[in-house]
Protein backbone atom coordinates (compact mmCIF):
# COMPACT_ATOMS: atom_id res chain seq x y z
CA MET A 1 -48.86 2.17 2.39
CA ALA A 2 -46.27 -0.54 4.02
CA LEU A 3 -46.19 -4.13 2.65
CA ILE A 4 -46.99 -6.14 5.90
CA ARG A 5 -46.74 -9.79 5.99
CA ARG A 6 -47.85 -11.94 9.04
CA SER A 7 -46.04 -15.06 8.77
CA GLY A 8 -43.98 -14.62 11.94
CA ASN A 9 -40.71 -14.65 10.26
CA ILE A 10 -38.17 -12.21 11.63
CA GLY A 11 -38.35 -9.93 8.62
CA SER A 12 -42.04 -10.42 7.74
CA ALA A 13 -42.90 -6.83 8.98
CA ILE A 14 -39.99 -5.14 8.03
CA ALA A 15 -40.80 -4.26 4.40
CA GLY A 16 -40.36 -0.89 3.40
CA PRO A 17 -43.00 1.60 1.86
CA SER A 18 -44.13 0.36 -1.85
CA ALA A 19 -43.08 4.06 -3.19
CA PRO A 20 -40.68 5.80 -0.63
CA PRO A 21 -39.87 9.34 -1.88
CA ASN A 22 -36.27 10.80 -2.42
CA LYS A 23 -34.80 7.57 -3.60
CA THR A 24 -31.51 9.30 -4.73
CA LEU A 25 -31.08 10.95 -1.27
CA ILE A 26 -31.85 7.62 0.55
CA THR A 27 -29.38 5.87 -1.64
CA LEU A 28 -26.51 8.23 -1.09
CA ILE A 29 -27.38 8.27 2.77
CA LEU A 30 -27.02 4.55 2.95
CA MET A 31 -23.86 4.56 0.78
CA LEU A 32 -22.29 7.29 3.28
CA SER A 33 -23.29 4.93 6.06
CA THR A 34 -21.62 2.07 4.57
CA VAL A 35 -18.43 3.82 3.43
CA MET A 36 -17.89 4.84 7.03
CA GLN A 37 -18.14 1.45 8.43
CA ALA A 38 -16.10 -0.10 5.65
CA VAL A 39 -13.50 2.34 5.78
CA ASP A 40 -12.93 2.14 9.72
CA THR A 41 -12.11 -1.68 8.90
CA THR A 42 -8.76 -0.93 7.19
CA ILE A 43 -8.07 2.76 8.01
CA VAL A 44 -6.21 1.98 11.26
CA ASN A 45 -3.81 -0.71 9.56
CA VAL A 46 -1.29 1.64 8.72
CA ALA A 47 -1.53 3.60 11.91
CA LEU A 48 -0.76 0.58 14.26
CA PRO A 49 2.95 1.30 14.47
CA HIS A 50 2.12 4.83 15.78
CA MET A 51 -0.65 3.66 18.05
CA GLU A 52 1.58 1.09 19.50
CA GLY A 53 4.21 3.95 20.86
CA SER A 54 1.40 6.11 21.72
CA LEU A 55 -0.48 3.94 23.80
CA GLY A 56 2.51 2.03 25.24
CA ALA A 57 1.55 -1.08 23.80
CA THR A 58 3.22 -4.24 22.54
CA GLN A 59 3.09 -5.46 18.94
CA ASP A 60 0.84 -8.32 20.02
CA GLN A 61 -1.37 -5.88 22.19
CA VAL A 62 -1.78 -3.32 19.45
CA SER A 63 -3.14 -6.02 17.01
CA TRP A 64 -6.16 -6.15 19.53
CA VAL A 65 -7.10 -2.79 17.94
CA LEU A 66 -8.19 -4.79 14.86
CA THR A 67 -9.39 -7.97 16.26
CA SER A 68 -11.67 -6.63 18.92
CA TYR A 69 -13.75 -4.42 16.10
CA ILE A 70 -13.66 -7.62 13.86
CA VAL A 71 -14.98 -10.22 16.48
CA ALA A 72 -17.48 -7.84 17.84
CA ALA A 73 -18.79 -6.88 14.59
CA ALA A 74 -18.86 -10.40 13.20
CA ILE A 75 -20.82 -11.52 16.47
CA MET A 76 -23.47 -8.86 16.39
CA THR A 77 -24.22 -8.88 12.60
CA PRO A 78 -26.54 -11.77 12.66
CA ALA A 79 -28.67 -10.13 15.37
CA THR A 80 -29.43 -7.23 13.06
CA ALA A 81 -32.81 -8.84 11.86
CA TRP A 82 -34.41 -9.40 15.12
CA LEU A 83 -33.26 -5.97 16.38
CA ALA A 84 -34.76 -4.36 13.27
CA GLY A 85 -38.02 -6.59 13.65
CA ARG A 86 -38.38 -5.36 17.63
CA PHE A 87 -37.45 -1.61 17.16
CA GLY A 88 -37.60 -0.79 13.74
CA ARG A 89 -34.90 -0.41 10.71
CA THR A 90 -34.72 3.20 10.75
CA TYR A 91 -34.46 3.55 14.71
CA LEU A 92 -31.96 0.85 14.65
CA LEU A 93 -30.00 2.56 11.65
CA VAL A 94 -30.12 5.78 13.82
CA VAL A 95 -29.06 4.37 16.97
CA SER A 96 -26.10 2.41 15.13
CA LEU A 97 -24.78 5.57 13.38
CA VAL A 98 -25.09 7.57 16.58
CA GLY A 99 -23.35 5.11 18.77
CA PHE A 100 -20.69 4.41 15.82
CA THR A 101 -19.99 8.29 15.84
CA VAL A 102 -19.71 9.02 19.64
CA VAL A 103 -17.54 5.65 19.95
CA SER A 104 -15.36 7.04 17.27
CA LEU A 105 -14.65 10.24 19.41
CA PHE A 106 -13.88 7.89 22.31
CA CYS A 107 -11.43 5.95 20.21
CA GLY A 108 -9.61 9.05 19.29
CA VAL A 109 -9.07 10.48 22.77
CA ALA A 110 -8.21 7.20 24.13
CA GLY A 111 -5.14 7.29 26.49
CA SER A 112 -4.36 3.41 27.02
CA ILE A 113 -4.47 0.08 25.11
CA SER A 114 -7.15 -1.21 27.30
CA GLN A 115 -9.33 1.91 26.75
CA MET A 116 -8.95 1.45 23.15
CA VAL A 117 -9.96 -2.09 22.78
CA PHE A 118 -12.90 -1.33 24.97
CA PHE A 119 -13.95 1.23 22.57
CA ARG A 120 -13.34 -0.68 19.45
CA ILE A 121 -15.52 -3.44 20.66
CA LEU A 122 -18.36 -1.14 21.09
CA GLN A 123 -17.58 0.68 17.66
CA GLY A 124 -17.84 -3.14 16.33
CA VAL A 125 -21.20 -3.66 18.20
CA PHE A 126 -22.64 -0.37 16.72
CA GLY A 127 -21.11 -0.88 13.34
CA ALA A 128 -22.21 -4.42 12.64
CA SER A 129 -25.81 -3.22 11.53
CA LEU A 130 -25.00 -0.63 9.31
CA MET A 131 -24.15 -2.67 6.07
CA PRO A 132 -27.16 -5.39 6.28
CA LEU A 133 -29.49 -2.45 7.32
CA SER A 134 -28.03 -0.17 4.26
CA GLN A 135 -28.52 -3.21 2.06
CA ALA A 136 -32.09 -4.08 3.04
CA ILE A 137 -33.52 -0.57 3.25
CA LEU A 138 -31.82 -0.03 -0.42
CA LEU A 139 -33.56 -3.18 -1.80
CA ASP A 140 -37.01 -2.14 -0.50
CA THR A 141 -36.57 1.64 -1.48
CA HIS A 142 -36.29 0.54 -5.28
CA SER A 143 -38.26 -1.60 -7.70
CA ARG A 144 -36.72 -4.45 -9.37
CA ALA A 145 -35.94 -2.49 -12.57
CA GLU A 146 -34.10 0.07 -10.53
CA MET A 147 -32.25 -2.24 -8.08
CA GLY A 148 -29.35 -2.92 -10.17
CA ARG A 149 -28.50 0.74 -10.55
CA ALA A 150 -29.25 1.35 -6.64
CA MET A 151 -26.79 -1.66 -5.80
CA ALA A 152 -24.04 -0.15 -8.02
CA ILE A 153 -23.82 3.19 -6.21
CA TRP A 154 -24.24 1.43 -2.92
CA GLY A 155 -21.54 -1.16 -3.85
CA VAL A 156 -19.21 1.85 -4.33
CA GLY A 157 -18.92 2.31 -0.87
CA VAL A 158 -18.63 -1.34 0.16
CA MET A 159 -15.70 -2.44 -2.49
CA VAL A 160 -13.71 0.99 -2.86
CA ALA A 161 -13.83 1.99 0.95
CA PRO A 162 -11.47 -0.96 2.04
CA ILE A 163 -9.04 -0.10 -0.92
CA LEU A 164 -8.91 3.82 -0.05
CA GLY A 165 -8.75 3.15 3.79
CA PRO A 166 -4.96 2.63 3.94
CA THR A 167 -4.59 5.64 1.75
CA LEU A 168 -6.42 7.83 3.90
CA GLY A 169 -5.21 6.31 7.26
CA GLY A 170 -1.54 6.83 5.94
CA TYR A 171 -2.07 10.44 4.89
CA LEU A 172 -3.92 11.26 8.07
CA THR A 173 -1.37 9.76 10.48
CA GLU A 174 1.59 11.19 8.64
CA GLU A 175 0.22 14.70 8.35
CA TYR A 176 -1.76 14.83 11.69
CA SER A 177 -1.97 12.06 14.04
CA TRP A 178 -3.47 8.42 14.17
CA ARG A 179 -6.35 9.85 16.18
CA TRP A 180 -7.74 11.67 13.29
CA CYS A 181 -8.50 7.98 11.73
CA PHE A 182 -11.29 8.03 14.20
CA TYR A 183 -12.07 11.89 14.31
CA ILE A 184 -12.81 11.73 10.47
CA ASN A 185 -15.81 9.57 11.32
CA LEU A 186 -17.51 12.64 13.08
CA PRO A 187 -18.62 14.82 10.28
CA ILE A 188 -19.74 11.81 8.16
CA GLY A 189 -21.64 10.31 11.29
CA ILE A 190 -23.51 13.59 12.02
CA LEU A 191 -24.32 13.93 8.23
CA THR A 192 -25.90 10.48 7.90
CA VAL A 193 -27.78 10.61 11.04
CA LEU A 194 -29.41 13.86 10.03
CA GLY A 195 -30.38 12.42 6.76
CA THR A 196 -31.45 9.04 7.87
CA MET A 197 -33.90 10.86 10.51
CA THR A 198 -35.06 13.20 7.80
CA PHE A 199 -35.62 11.00 4.39
CA ILE A 200 -35.85 7.48 5.53
CA PRO A 201 -39.42 6.14 6.62
CA GLU A 202 -39.78 3.94 9.44
CA SER A 203 -40.66 0.38 8.86
CA VAL A 204 -43.46 -1.65 10.56
CA LYS A 205 -41.98 -3.23 13.81
CA VAL A 206 -43.10 -6.90 14.85
CA ARG A 207 -42.77 -8.01 18.59
CA ASP A 208 -44.46 -11.56 18.19
CA ARG A 209 -40.92 -13.36 17.99
CA LYS A 210 -38.89 -14.25 20.94
CA PHE A 211 -35.11 -13.65 20.72
CA ASP A 212 -33.39 -17.26 20.18
CA TRP A 213 -30.43 -16.89 23.04
CA PHE A 214 -29.35 -20.26 22.51
CA GLY A 215 -28.94 -19.79 18.57
CA PHE A 216 -27.35 -16.74 19.29
CA SER A 217 -25.04 -17.98 21.81
CA PHE A 218 -23.66 -20.91 19.78
CA LEU A 219 -23.32 -18.83 16.58
CA SER A 220 -21.45 -16.14 18.39
CA LEU A 221 -18.98 -18.76 20.21
CA ALA A 222 -18.43 -20.10 16.79
CA ILE A 223 -17.55 -16.99 15.24
CA ALA A 224 -15.52 -15.42 17.71
CA SER A 225 -13.45 -18.56 18.13
CA LEU A 226 -12.98 -18.81 14.27
CA GLN A 227 -12.01 -15.10 14.21
CA LEU A 228 -9.52 -15.30 16.90
CA ALA A 229 -8.27 -18.32 15.29
CA LEU A 230 -7.83 -17.03 12.12
CA ASP A 231 -6.16 -13.51 13.30
CA ARG A 232 -3.63 -15.12 15.73
CA GLY A 233 -3.05 -18.23 13.99
CA GLU A 234 0.15 -17.01 12.06
CA GLN A 235 1.61 -15.30 14.97
CA LEU A 236 1.24 -18.35 17.49
CA GLY A 237 2.18 -21.12 14.89
CA TRP A 238 -1.31 -22.47 14.15
CA PHE A 239 -1.78 -26.07 15.64
CA ALA A 240 1.56 -25.84 17.43
CA SER A 241 -0.33 -23.55 19.74
CA ALA A 242 -2.77 -24.78 22.56
CA GLU A 243 -4.75 -21.51 22.33
CA ILE A 244 -5.31 -22.10 18.47
CA GLU A 245 -6.23 -25.70 19.13
CA ILE A 246 -8.79 -24.75 21.86
CA GLU A 247 -10.20 -21.70 19.57
CA VAL A 248 -10.92 -24.30 16.44
CA ALA A 249 -12.39 -26.80 19.02
CA LEU A 250 -14.75 -24.00 20.35
CA ALA A 251 -15.55 -23.02 16.61
CA VAL A 252 -16.51 -26.51 15.61
CA PHE A 253 -18.49 -27.22 18.80
CA GLY A 254 -20.38 -23.82 18.49
CA ILE A 255 -21.37 -24.47 14.78
CA TYR A 256 -22.35 -28.12 15.35
CA MET A 257 -24.57 -26.81 18.25
CA PHE A 258 -25.95 -24.19 16.20
CA VAL A 259 -26.95 -26.39 13.31
CA VAL A 260 -28.64 -29.02 15.55
CA HIS A 261 -30.44 -26.22 17.51
CA SER A 262 -31.62 -24.43 14.27
CA LEU A 263 -32.88 -27.86 12.98
CA THR A 264 -34.84 -28.58 16.06
CA ALA A 265 -36.05 -25.21 17.23
CA GLN A 266 -39.43 -23.75 16.36
CA ARG A 267 -38.30 -20.58 15.66
CA PRO A 268 -34.15 -20.58 15.05
CA PHE A 269 -32.08 -17.59 15.40
CA ILE A 270 -31.53 -17.57 11.70
CA ASP A 271 -34.76 -18.29 9.32
CA LEU A 272 -33.92 -21.83 7.58
CA ALA A 273 -36.09 -20.60 4.78
CA LEU A 274 -33.26 -18.56 3.55
CA PHE A 275 -31.29 -21.93 2.68
CA ARG A 276 -34.31 -23.11 0.64
CA ASP A 277 -33.53 -20.45 -2.16
CA ARG A 278 -30.86 -21.92 -4.50
CA ASN A 279 -29.81 -18.85 -5.70
CA PHE A 280 -29.08 -17.45 -1.99
CA VAL A 281 -27.15 -20.35 -1.14
CA LEU A 282 -24.91 -20.47 -4.19
CA CYS A 283 -24.17 -16.90 -3.96
CA ILE A 284 -23.07 -17.28 -0.47
CA VAL A 285 -20.52 -19.90 -1.62
CA LEU A 286 -19.35 -17.52 -4.46
CA ALA A 287 -19.35 -14.66 -1.99
CA ILE A 288 -16.99 -16.63 0.51
CA VAL A 289 -14.65 -17.60 -2.31
CA THR A 290 -14.68 -14.10 -4.04
CA ASN A 291 -13.98 -12.26 -0.76
CA LEU A 292 -11.30 -14.67 0.19
CA VAL A 293 -9.44 -13.56 -3.06
CA PHE A 294 -10.34 -10.10 -2.90
CA ASN A 295 -9.38 -9.64 0.65
CA GLY A 296 -6.06 -11.52 0.04
CA SER A 297 -5.51 -9.20 -2.65
CA PHE A 298 -5.98 -6.01 -0.61
CA VAL A 299 -3.67 -7.27 2.03
CA LEU A 300 -0.98 -8.55 -0.33
CA SER A 301 -0.63 -5.34 -2.38
CA PRO A 302 0.27 -2.77 0.14
CA GLN A 303 2.57 -5.41 1.82
CA LEU A 304 4.33 -6.06 -1.59
CA LEU A 305 4.91 -2.34 -2.20
CA GLN A 306 6.17 -1.43 1.15
CA THR A 307 8.30 -4.36 2.13
CA GLU A 308 9.71 -5.65 -1.12
CA LEU A 309 9.70 -2.48 -3.25
CA ASN A 310 10.39 -0.14 -0.53
CA TYR A 311 7.60 2.31 -1.25
CA PRO A 312 6.81 4.75 1.51
CA VAL A 313 3.12 4.13 3.00
CA VAL A 314 1.74 7.27 1.23
CA THR A 315 3.02 6.46 -1.99
CA ALA A 316 2.04 2.84 -1.73
CA GLY A 317 -1.69 4.26 -0.99
CA LEU A 318 -1.45 6.31 -4.10
CA VAL A 319 -0.26 3.31 -6.30
CA MET A 320 -3.32 1.11 -5.30
CA GLY A 321 -5.75 4.17 -5.48
CA PRO A 322 -6.47 3.30 -9.29
CA ARG A 323 -7.73 0.04 -8.42
CA GLY A 324 -10.56 2.03 -6.84
CA PHE A 325 -11.32 3.89 -9.88
CA GLY A 326 -11.64 0.58 -11.68
CA THR A 327 -14.20 -0.44 -9.13
CA ILE A 328 -16.06 2.58 -9.54
CA ALA A 329 -16.25 2.45 -13.35
CA ALA A 330 -17.29 -1.49 -13.21
CA MET A 331 -20.26 -0.44 -10.90
CA LEU A 332 -21.33 2.25 -12.84
CA LEU A 333 -21.35 0.31 -16.02
CA PHE A 334 -23.51 -2.16 -14.08
CA GLY A 335 -25.81 0.27 -13.17
CA ARG A 336 -26.65 1.11 -16.98
CA VAL A 337 -26.66 -2.64 -18.17
CA SER A 338 -28.00 -4.48 -15.39
CA ASN A 339 -31.44 -4.93 -16.97
CA ARG A 340 -30.11 -5.75 -20.39
CA ILE A 341 -27.36 -8.54 -19.61
CA ASP A 342 -27.62 -11.69 -17.71
CA PRO A 343 -25.75 -11.05 -14.39
CA ARG A 344 -24.15 -14.52 -14.26
CA LEU A 345 -22.34 -13.27 -17.43
CA LEU A 346 -21.17 -10.14 -15.79
CA ILE A 347 -19.95 -12.23 -12.89
CA PHE A 348 -17.98 -14.53 -15.15
CA VAL A 349 -16.36 -11.89 -16.98
CA GLY A 350 -15.43 -10.18 -13.62
CA LEU A 351 -13.98 -13.27 -12.23
CA SER A 352 -11.87 -13.97 -15.37
CA THR A 353 -10.59 -10.83 -15.46
CA VAL A 354 -9.50 -10.82 -11.73
CA GLY A 355 -7.95 -14.20 -12.09
CA TRP A 356 -6.28 -13.14 -15.43
CA THR A 357 -4.68 -10.04 -13.34
CA MET A 358 -3.69 -12.51 -10.43
CA TYR A 359 -1.84 -14.76 -12.94
CA ALA A 360 -0.04 -11.84 -14.54
CA MET A 361 1.12 -10.67 -11.24
CA SER A 362 2.82 -14.48 -10.64
CA GLY A 363 5.00 -13.45 -13.12
CA TRP A 364 6.30 -10.23 -11.67
CA SER A 365 9.80 -9.93 -10.17
CA LEU A 366 11.59 -7.06 -8.00
CA GLU A 367 11.95 -4.93 -11.22
CA ILE A 368 8.29 -4.13 -11.20
CA GLY A 369 7.41 -0.53 -11.70
CA ALA A 370 4.94 1.55 -10.55
CA LYS A 371 3.26 1.84 -13.78
CA GLN A 372 2.60 -1.88 -14.28
CA PHE A 373 1.15 -2.17 -10.84
CA ILE A 374 -1.34 0.78 -11.40
CA GLU A 375 -2.37 -0.74 -14.81
CA LEU A 376 -2.97 -4.19 -13.59
CA GLY A 377 -4.50 -2.57 -10.22
CA LEU A 378 -6.94 -0.70 -12.70
CA ILE A 379 -7.99 -3.80 -14.31
CA GLN A 380 -8.15 -5.94 -11.35
CA GLY A 381 -10.51 -3.40 -9.90
CA PHE A 382 -12.70 -3.37 -12.63
CA GLY A 383 -13.12 -7.00 -12.47
CA MET A 384 -13.92 -6.87 -8.59
CA GLY A 385 -16.42 -4.13 -9.31
CA LEU A 386 -17.89 -6.41 -12.16
CA SER A 387 -18.44 -9.41 -9.73
CA PHE A 388 -19.63 -7.84 -6.48
CA VAL A 389 -22.71 -5.94 -7.50
CA PRO A 390 -24.24 -8.83 -9.86
CA MET A 391 -23.66 -11.43 -7.48
CA THR A 392 -25.14 -9.19 -4.64
CA THR A 393 -28.09 -8.73 -7.01
CA LEU A 394 -28.49 -12.28 -7.66
CA ALA A 395 -28.56 -13.49 -4.23
CA PHE A 396 -31.46 -11.28 -3.45
CA SER A 397 -33.49 -11.52 -6.78
CA THR A 398 -35.42 -14.52 -5.77
CA LEU A 399 -35.72 -14.13 -2.05
CA PRO A 400 -39.09 -13.19 -0.55
CA VAL A 401 -39.19 -9.69 0.67
CA GLY A 402 -39.71 -10.55 4.33
CA LEU A 403 -36.35 -12.24 4.43
CA ARG A 404 -34.33 -9.41 3.21
CA THR A 405 -33.42 -7.78 6.29
CA GLU A 406 -32.31 -11.37 7.84
CA ALA A 407 -30.56 -12.37 4.55
CA SER A 408 -28.62 -9.24 4.36
CA GLY A 409 -27.14 -9.73 7.90
CA PHE A 410 -26.12 -13.31 7.06
CA TYR A 411 -24.87 -12.27 3.73
CA ALA A 412 -22.57 -9.63 5.33
CA LEU A 413 -21.54 -12.34 7.96
CA VAL A 414 -20.20 -14.59 5.22
CA ARG A 415 -18.38 -12.24 3.37
CA ASN A 416 -16.85 -11.05 6.45
CA VAL A 417 -15.74 -14.45 7.37
CA GLY A 418 -14.51 -15.48 3.86
CA GLY A 419 -12.50 -12.14 3.76
CA ALA A 420 -11.22 -13.27 7.24
CA ILE A 421 -10.05 -16.74 6.19
CA GLY A 422 -8.60 -15.21 2.80
CA ILE A 423 -6.49 -12.75 4.82
CA SER A 424 -5.35 -15.61 6.96
CA ILE A 425 -4.79 -17.80 4.12
CA VAL A 426 -2.40 -15.32 2.35
CA ILE A 427 -0.54 -14.16 5.28
CA SER A 428 0.28 -17.77 6.61
CA ARG A 429 1.22 -18.81 3.12
CA LEU A 430 3.11 -15.84 2.41
CA SER A 431 5.25 -16.60 5.62
CA GLU A 432 5.63 -20.10 5.02
CA LEU A 433 6.92 -19.85 1.47
CA THR A 434 9.11 -16.94 2.49
CA GLN A 435 10.95 -19.16 4.86
CA SER A 436 11.15 -22.01 2.84
CA ASN A 437 12.45 -20.05 -0.41
CA HIS A 438 15.09 -18.35 1.97
CA ALA A 439 16.16 -21.68 3.10
CA HIS A 440 16.40 -22.92 -0.41
CA LEU A 441 18.31 -20.04 -1.96
CA GLY A 442 20.46 -19.70 1.30
CA GLU A 443 22.02 -23.01 0.28
CA PHE A 444 23.81 -21.11 -2.66
CA MET A 445 24.70 -18.17 -0.45
CA THR A 446 28.19 -19.21 0.60
CA GLN A 447 29.22 -19.72 -3.25
CA PHE A 448 29.04 -15.93 -3.86
CA ARG A 449 30.48 -14.42 -0.91
CA HIS A 450 33.80 -13.94 -2.59
CA LEU A 451 32.19 -11.33 -4.97
CA SER A 452 31.28 -9.07 -2.09
CA ALA A 453 34.64 -9.46 -0.72
CA ALA A 454 36.26 -8.66 -3.74
CA HIS A 455 34.72 -5.22 -3.24
CA GLY A 456 36.70 -4.62 -0.16
CA MET A 457 33.54 -5.73 2.06
CA SER A 458 34.25 -7.68 5.38
CA GLY A 459 33.14 -11.34 5.62
CA ARG A 460 30.06 -10.40 8.00
CA ALA A 461 29.22 -7.34 6.01
CA SER A 462 29.10 -9.24 2.73
CA ILE A 463 27.04 -12.09 4.70
CA GLU A 464 24.45 -9.53 5.97
CA MET A 465 24.26 -7.92 2.48
CA LEU A 466 23.69 -11.40 0.60
CA ASN A 467 20.96 -12.25 3.29
CA LEU A 468 19.17 -9.13 2.48
CA SER A 469 19.00 -9.81 -0.93
CA ILE A 470 18.05 -13.42 -0.63
CA THR A 471 15.31 -12.39 1.97
CA ARG A 472 13.76 -9.84 -0.61
CA GLN A 473 14.05 -12.59 -3.48
CA ALA A 474 12.50 -15.16 -1.16
CA GLY A 475 9.63 -12.84 -0.32
CA MET A 476 9.16 -12.00 -3.76
CA ILE A 477 8.74 -15.63 -5.11
CA ALA A 478 6.40 -15.94 -2.11
CA TYR A 479 4.10 -13.11 -3.26
CA VAL A 480 3.92 -14.62 -7.02
CA ASN A 481 3.22 -18.03 -5.68
CA VAL A 482 0.27 -16.70 -3.62
CA PHE A 483 -0.91 -14.55 -6.60
CA ARG A 484 -1.05 -17.78 -8.57
CA LEU A 485 -3.12 -19.44 -5.78
CA LEU A 486 -5.62 -16.64 -5.74
CA ALA A 487 -5.66 -16.79 -9.86
CA ILE A 488 -6.73 -20.55 -9.07
CA LEU A 489 -9.36 -19.92 -6.86
CA CYS A 490 -11.11 -17.45 -9.48
CA VAL A 491 -11.16 -20.30 -11.87
CA VAL A 492 -12.30 -22.85 -9.40
CA ALA A 493 -15.23 -20.48 -8.51
CA ALA A 494 -16.59 -19.72 -11.77
CA PRO A 495 -18.51 -23.09 -12.62
CA LEU A 496 -20.79 -22.18 -9.71
CA LEU A 497 -22.55 -19.81 -12.03
CA LEU A 498 -24.09 -22.65 -14.10
CA LEU A 499 -26.00 -23.56 -11.38
CA ILE A 500 -27.48 -20.31 -10.45
CA ARG A 501 -30.92 -19.68 -11.99
CA ALA A 502 -31.20 -16.58 -14.28
CA GLN A 503 -32.44 -13.38 -12.92
CA PRO A 504 -36.25 -12.91 -13.33
CA PRO A 505 -37.12 -10.24 -15.77
CA ALA A 506 -37.40 -6.92 -14.22
CA GLY A 507 -40.65 -6.37 -15.87
CA ARG A 508 -42.11 -9.33 -13.67
CA SER A 509 -43.88 -8.12 -10.62
CA GLY A 510 -43.22 -11.35 -8.74
CA ALA A 511 -39.52 -11.20 -9.16
CA ALA A 512 -37.98 -10.43 -5.75
CA GLY A 513 -40.98 -9.37 -3.80
CA ALA A 514 -44.17 -10.79 -4.95
CA SER A 515 -42.70 -14.14 -4.47
CA ALA A 516 -42.96 -13.69 -0.67
CA HIS A 517 -46.00 -16.11 -0.47
């Protein structure tokens, strides 16, 4: 019998059955849907140069293949709770999966950059609900005692997919075509749709709450403007560009109006009851910082391998692969010990491990080999996995059951924003440091030109050779400085764990659900 609450909250009537069957199959189905969506955010990264030539686009235009998807998904994610309450979680999940799969096919056959951007916007719209819906259904499908293991399995898809995405994308692009980066979604999408319709029961729908168009509009304006500013800021020189100034101003205006409207509206777009839960708020802050570090690392590593160490794209993907195995190992470990060890301790160990690996990477040079990269990547992946799932479990451990769908959507949103901020920070900082380091090292360039001339090289050739060497050294110095910055952020985030309440014992019936009222 479904657990139904009539408080009027957006998620008040969206709790799943008290003892749903086929928990293992449901968990695997939800993980597959999450993997499909998470992979799609990174799989096309390495294929962009090929798409640029095939679609007749410029470098600036083809970047919208990424931006359009991210912005559309970010805008639609907070609407998941209302849509789930209106139409039912399983129904919304099926529609999202079908739409995402069909639009993936359209992306694969796109013949122009305008068609591709349009289809990527639709793909972001349909894909926005997949992660928060999967998380909310998973939480309601399992008891408190089973939650840690279930979240560990689901978290494998969330954490490993972005790591394996570039590897898979590089292989498909090199061996077949960039279009297969989208076609690969078809079999996975069909499988998850059939599994969802067969094994996941429908939730109870609630129709007594109107959609808050003002709140949604202001939040959408803020998210879209912020995402565009972060995505294009490095290309346009940040506040030297009028476009970035306008986008930042719109983001600030949107956030301000959203907060004011939420505090005064009778039924705001996001239920303010979420922010009365201390664990949830603190875990949001932690999620922003950790995703800043994690996504920043995901961007830095393949660039370092390909630009500074001259690794081919497929080889770079293979060198990064073991990081995913470390993440899987950590999540499986958490699934076994989640009911015996304080998750705050696991998060601390995970953050410390990631911070240590970042600090170790700040001591690298151009002589670093694949072995060291693989070893530290494996350890770093373990630390990331040990942080992510316990943090997610703690965030929802003290929330009322009826707020889970809404909380999942908002939690996914802040994780994405944190990741976007992380990518923008590391790319911008890397570019700035590379330029300043190059200028500083270039001061010593003329003093060593005679060494190249002594080997029979012309003056112009010797200058070009020295400049290439200086550029690589300047870039490497920039990488190690950014790695050190990410290590510092891990240390700064750790004290927040002292403010989080201990997770309720698994045996207490009031842990995550009975506290609803």
